[in-house]
Amino acid sequence: MSKKMLVVSAHGADWCTRAGGTILKYVNAGWEVTVYALTFGEHGESGAYWKDHWGTNVEEVKHCRKTEAQAAAAFMGVKRIEFFDYGDYPLDMGTSRVQDLICRIMDLRPDVILTHWIDDPFNMDHEITGKAVVRAVSACGMRGAIPDTDPHFIPDIFFFETTMPHSEFNHFEIDTYLDIGDVFEKKIQAVKLFAAQPQLVEYYTRCAKNRGVQANDWSRGRRSIQYAEGFKRYVPYLGDCLPVSSLEERFIKEDGYV
């Protein structure tokens, strides 16, 4: 049975811009990837569309953003993308909506979840989404969260990029980098499908380059990493051995340590 990755996105494009390279790598590895888009981003994430289509209405904007997200998901090999249509700016994740998220997660039972960091004062929809996911996952691990349903504990939650990637501003301190150089061009092709936000291509190209510089530094110059995506783990690693990365294992062998 294929392993499952769930990506919970505040708006229709966040999942692609912030974790598109990682998603592509896992799709290529045979994982089933599902995206939950809590909103279409019709109010606060569609400025170019509103400007270019004076006199349009919210439903037309939603249709545009949904079509874009579906096209990107299909292009990337995402198994399915679900739209919750909760409304953005502001996004409200009250108890009933968190409960719905619990039910959906319990039904899917993912192995890994990617979502927004829980401290993003520049975009509160993102912060609210991240906190809602943490609340939902906490409940999923408890027997009795849904009667007559086995609990589902998910330790592997990874938070992706904030709106403003400055740790002194939002305490987002990366502890995991993924080299996305082999899939970067395809990621950018997918990002280009979000025509209502044309600024995304340049911004996330620059972001991937910046993270690539950092990741390259951590590789100690023994691998040329041009583009990377950064994440922060929700809980510490737990296993039977230390989490030596595949890159580190290769470096050790090449240096003759083993």
Protein backbone atom coordinates (compact mmCIF):
# COMPACT_ATOMS: atom_id res chain seq x y z
CA MET A 1 0.00 0.00 0.00
CA SER A 2 1.30 3.44 -0.94
CA LYS A 3 2.22 5.84 1.83
CA LYS A 4 0.13 8.97 2.13
CA MET A 5 1.04 12.63 2.43
CA LEU A 6 -1.54 15.25 3.36
CA VAL A 7 -0.94 18.93 2.68
CA VAL A 8 -3.28 21.35 4.46
CA SER A 9 -3.26 24.75 2.77
CA ALA A 10 -4.97 27.94 3.90
CA HIS A 11 -5.49 29.16 0.34
CA GLY A 12 -5.65 27.64 -3.11
CA ALA A 13 -2.00 28.19 -4.05
CA ASP A 14 -0.08 27.94 -0.76
CA TRP A 15 0.54 24.21 -0.99
CA CYS A 16 2.21 24.56 -4.40
CA THR A 17 4.35 27.61 -3.72
CA ARG A 18 5.64 26.52 -0.33
CA ALA A 19 5.94 22.75 -0.74
CA GLY A 20 5.55 22.07 -4.46
CA GLY A 21 9.05 20.67 -4.87
CA THR A 22 8.65 18.34 -1.91
CA ILE A 23 5.26 17.19 -3.17
CA LEU A 24 6.76 16.39 -6.58
CA LYS A 25 9.57 14.37 -5.02
CA TYR A 26 7.11 12.30 -3.01
CA VAL A 27 4.80 11.80 -5.96
CA ASN A 28 7.80 10.57 -7.95
CA ALA A 29 8.60 8.19 -5.09
CA GLY A 30 5.14 6.63 -5.34
CA TRP A 31 3.38 8.37 -2.47
CA GLU A 32 -0.27 9.36 -2.66
CA VAL A 33 -0.55 13.09 -2.04
CA THR A 34 -3.81 14.75 -1.00
CA VAL A 35 -4.31 18.50 -0.64
CA TYR A 36 -6.92 20.16 1.58
CA ALA A 37 -7.41 23.80 0.57
CA LEU A 38 -9.39 25.46 3.34
CA THR A 39 -10.22 28.45 1.13
CA PHE A 40 -9.85 29.47 -2.50
CA GLY A 41 -8.08 32.68 -1.51
CA GLU A 42 -10.79 34.63 -3.26
CA HIS A 43 -10.58 37.77 -1.12
CA GLY A 44 -6.99 38.29 -0.06
CA GLU A 45 -4.99 36.17 -2.51
CA SER A 46 -6.50 37.22 -5.85
CA GLY A 47 -5.65 40.89 -6.20
CA ALA A 48 -4.46 40.69 -9.81
CA TYR A 49 -7.66 38.96 -10.88
CA TRP A 50 -9.86 41.53 -9.15
CA LYS A 51 -7.87 44.34 -10.76
CA ASP A 52 -8.02 42.86 -14.27
CA HIS A 53 -11.69 41.85 -14.06
CA TRP A 54 -13.38 44.96 -12.74
CA GLY A 55 -17.02 44.20 -11.97
CA THR A 56 -16.45 40.50 -11.30
CA ASN A 57 -17.96 38.76 -8.27
CA VAL A 58 -16.74 36.41 -5.57
CA GLU A 59 -18.14 33.28 -7.20
CA GLU A 60 -16.29 34.00 -10.43
CA VAL A 61 -13.06 34.51 -8.53
CA LYS A 62 -13.59 31.25 -6.64
CA HIS A 63 -14.14 29.42 -9.91
CA CYS A 64 -10.93 30.88 -11.32
CA ARG A 65 -8.86 29.93 -8.28
CA LYS A 66 -10.37 26.45 -8.12
CA THR A 67 -9.61 25.85 -11.79
CA GLU A 68 -6.02 27.00 -11.32
CA ALA A 69 -5.46 24.77 -8.28
CA GLN A 70 -6.99 21.74 -9.98
CA ALA A 71 -4.78 22.26 -13.03
CA ALA A 72 -1.66 22.53 -10.87
CA ALA A 73 -2.61 19.44 -8.86
CA ALA A 74 -3.21 17.38 -12.01
CA PHE A 75 0.05 18.60 -13.54
CA MET A 76 1.99 17.60 -10.42
CA GLY A 77 0.37 14.20 -9.99
CA VAL A 78 -1.50 15.02 -6.78
CA LYS A 79 -4.05 12.28 -6.18
CA ARG A 80 -6.80 14.66 -5.17
CA ILE A 81 -7.39 18.19 -3.98
CA GLU A 82 -10.38 19.06 -1.81
CA PHE A 83 -11.75 22.57 -1.33
CA PHE A 84 -13.43 23.43 1.95
CA ASP A 85 -14.63 26.91 0.88
CA TYR A 86 -14.37 28.36 4.38
CA GLY A 87 -13.73 31.91 3.20
CA ASP A 88 -10.49 33.84 3.61
CA TYR A 89 -9.34 37.13 5.10
CA PRO A 90 -10.36 36.35 7.72
CA LEU A 91 -10.38 32.56 7.88
CA ASP A 92 -12.43 31.26 10.80
CA MET A 93 -11.59 27.79 12.13
CA GLY A 94 -14.09 27.32 14.93
CA THR A 95 -14.73 24.08 16.79
CA SER A 96 -17.11 22.62 14.22
CA ARG A 97 -14.61 23.17 11.42
CA VAL A 98 -11.77 21.66 13.42
CA GLN A 99 -14.04 18.68 14.10
CA ASP A 100 -14.63 18.33 10.37
CA LEU A 101 -10.88 18.39 9.82
CA ILE A 102 -10.47 15.68 12.46
CA CYS A 103 -12.97 13.45 10.64
CA ARG A 104 -11.25 13.97 7.29
CA ILE A 105 -7.80 13.24 8.69
CA MET A 106 -9.06 10.13 10.47
CA ASP A 107 -10.62 8.94 7.24
CA LEU A 108 -7.47 9.55 5.18
CA ARG A 109 -4.95 8.42 7.84
CA PRO A 110 -1.88 10.08 6.34
CA ASP A 111 1.69 9.15 7.21
CA VAL A 112 2.97 12.73 6.91
CA ILE A 113 1.28 16.13 7.07
CA LEU A 114 2.63 19.38 5.66
CA THR A 115 1.02 22.65 6.69
CA HIS A 116 1.60 26.26 7.72
CA TRP A 117 3.78 27.36 10.62
CA ILE A 118 1.78 28.33 13.70
CA ASP A 119 3.19 31.85 14.05
CA ASP A 120 2.61 34.05 11.00
CA PRO A 121 1.44 37.54 12.03
CA PHE A 122 1.82 38.80 8.46
CA ASN A 123 -0.88 36.38 7.28
CA MET A 124 -3.16 35.22 10.05
CA ASP A 125 -5.03 32.79 7.76
CA HIS A 126 -1.81 30.77 7.62
CA GLU A 127 -1.31 30.85 11.37
CA ILE A 128 -4.92 29.86 11.99
CA THR A 129 -4.57 26.95 9.57
CA GLY A 130 -1.42 25.64 11.22
CA LYS A 131 -2.95 25.83 14.68
CA ALA A 132 -6.15 24.14 13.48
CA VAL A 133 -4.12 21.26 12.06
CA VAL A 134 -2.23 20.84 15.34
CA ARG A 135 -5.53 20.82 17.24
CA ALA A 136 -7.01 18.28 14.87
CA VAL A 137 -3.97 16.00 14.90
CA SER A 138 -3.86 16.10 18.69
CA ALA A 139 -7.45 14.90 18.81
CA CYS A 140 -6.86 12.24 16.15
CA GLY A 141 -4.38 10.54 18.45
CA MET A 142 -6.95 10.11 21.21
CA ARG A 143 -9.22 7.09 21.41
CA GLY A 144 -12.74 8.43 21.61
CA ALA A 145 -12.17 11.43 19.37
CA ILE A 146 -14.56 9.70 17.00
CA PRO A 147 -16.58 6.90 18.65
CA ASP A 148 -15.85 3.37 17.44
CA THR A 149 -12.84 4.57 15.46
CA ASP A 150 -9.23 3.66 16.12
CA PRO A 151 -7.02 6.67 16.90
CA HIS A 152 -4.45 7.83 14.39
CA PHE A 153 -1.31 9.37 15.84
CA ILE A 154 0.72 11.43 13.34
CA PRO A 155 4.08 12.53 14.73
CA ASP A 156 5.46 13.56 11.35
CA ILE A 157 4.09 17.05 10.81
CA PHE A 158 6.31 19.48 8.93
CA PHE A 159 5.57 23.20 8.78
CA PHE A 160 6.48 25.00 5.57
CA GLU A 161 7.50 28.56 4.72
CA THR A 162 5.85 31.57 6.31
CA THR A 163 4.77 34.60 4.29
CA MET A 164 7.78 36.62 5.43
CA PRO A 165 10.67 34.15 5.91
CA HIS A 166 12.37 35.95 8.79
CA SER A 167 12.90 33.93 11.95
CA GLU A 168 13.24 37.03 14.12
CA PHE A 169 9.74 38.03 13.03
CA ASN A 170 7.85 34.74 13.26
CA HIS A 171 10.22 32.29 15.01
CA PHE A 172 10.27 29.98 11.97
CA GLU A 173 13.57 28.18 12.44
CA ILE A 174 14.19 25.57 9.77
CA ASP A 175 15.50 22.18 10.87
CA THR A 176 14.87 20.27 7.63
CA TYR A 177 15.94 21.11 4.07
CA LEU A 178 14.97 19.23 0.93
CA ASP A 179 17.03 19.60 -2.23
CA ILE A 180 14.44 20.25 -4.96
CA GLY A 181 16.85 20.96 -7.79
CA ASP A 182 15.69 17.93 -9.76
CA VAL A 183 12.05 19.04 -9.72
CA PHE A 184 12.34 22.81 -9.46
CA GLU A 185 11.48 23.60 -13.08
CA LYS A 186 8.33 21.51 -12.89
CA LYS A 187 7.37 23.23 -9.64
CA ILE A 188 7.70 26.63 -11.30
CA GLN A 189 5.64 25.46 -14.26
CA ALA A 190 2.92 24.51 -11.77
CA VAL A 191 3.17 27.86 -9.96
CA LYS A 192 2.71 29.64 -13.30
CA LEU A 193 -0.74 28.05 -13.55
CA PHE A 194 -1.89 30.35 -10.73
CA ALA A 195 -2.37 33.28 -13.09
CA ALA A 196 -4.37 35.26 -10.52
CA GLN A 197 -1.12 35.66 -8.56
CA PRO A 198 1.56 36.37 -11.18
CA GLN A 199 4.01 37.59 -8.53
CA LEU A 200 4.38 34.09 -7.10
CA VAL A 201 6.85 32.85 -9.72
CA GLU A 202 9.55 35.41 -8.99
CA TYR A 203 9.01 35.38 -5.23
CA TYR A 204 9.24 31.62 -4.80
CA THR A 205 12.09 31.28 -7.25
CA ARG A 206 14.03 33.69 -5.04
CA CYS A 207 12.92 31.85 -1.91
CA ALA A 208 14.06 28.48 -3.30
CA LYS A 209 17.41 29.99 -4.24
CA ASN A 210 17.87 31.44 -0.75
CA ARG A 211 17.04 28.12 0.88
CA GLY A 212 19.35 26.44 -1.60
CA VAL A 213 22.23 28.63 -0.44
CA GLN A 214 21.53 27.68 3.17
CA ALA A 215 21.19 23.98 2.36
CA ASN A 216 24.38 24.11 0.33
CA ASP A 217 26.21 25.56 3.33
CA TRP A 218 24.94 22.70 5.46
CA SER A 219 26.24 20.22 2.87
CA ARG A 220 29.70 21.62 3.62
CA GLY A 221 30.34 22.39 -0.01
CA ARG A 222 30.28 18.76 -1.09
CA ARG A 223 27.08 19.04 -3.05
CA SER A 224 25.87 21.84 -5.29
CA ILE A 225 22.35 22.60 -4.11
CA GLN A 226 20.72 25.34 -6.14
CA TYR A 227 17.13 25.14 -4.93
CA ALA A 228 15.67 23.89 -1.67
CA GLU A 229 12.54 24.01 0.47
CA GLY A 230 12.73 24.44 4.23
CA PHE A 231 10.57 22.93 6.95
CA LYS A 232 10.29 22.86 10.72
CA ARG A 233 9.34 19.63 12.49
CA TYR A 234 6.42 19.59 14.91
CA VAL A 235 7.95 17.08 17.33
CA PRO A 236 11.52 15.80 17.79
CA TYR A 237 12.65 12.78 15.82
CA LEU A 238 12.04 9.42 17.52
CA GLY A 239 13.57 6.21 16.22
CA ASP A 240 15.88 3.27 16.83
CA CYS A 241 18.88 5.05 15.31
CA LEU A 242 20.01 8.60 14.69
CA PRO A 243 18.39 10.37 11.72
CA VAL A 244 21.50 10.50 9.54
CA SER A 245 20.48 12.04 6.24
CA SER A 246 21.05 10.28 2.93
CA LEU A 247 23.47 13.06 1.98
CA GLU A 248 25.46 12.61 5.18
CA GLU A 249 25.68 8.85 4.62
CA ARG A 250 27.06 9.45 1.14
CA PHE A 251 29.56 12.04 2.34
CA ILE A 252 30.84 9.67 5.04
CA LYS A 253 31.39 6.90 2.50
CA GLU A 254 33.09 9.22 0.01
CA ASP A 255 35.45 10.51 2.69
CA GLY A 256 36.43 6.97 3.62
CA TYR A 257 35.08 7.01 7.16
CA VAL A 258 33.31 3.67 6.64
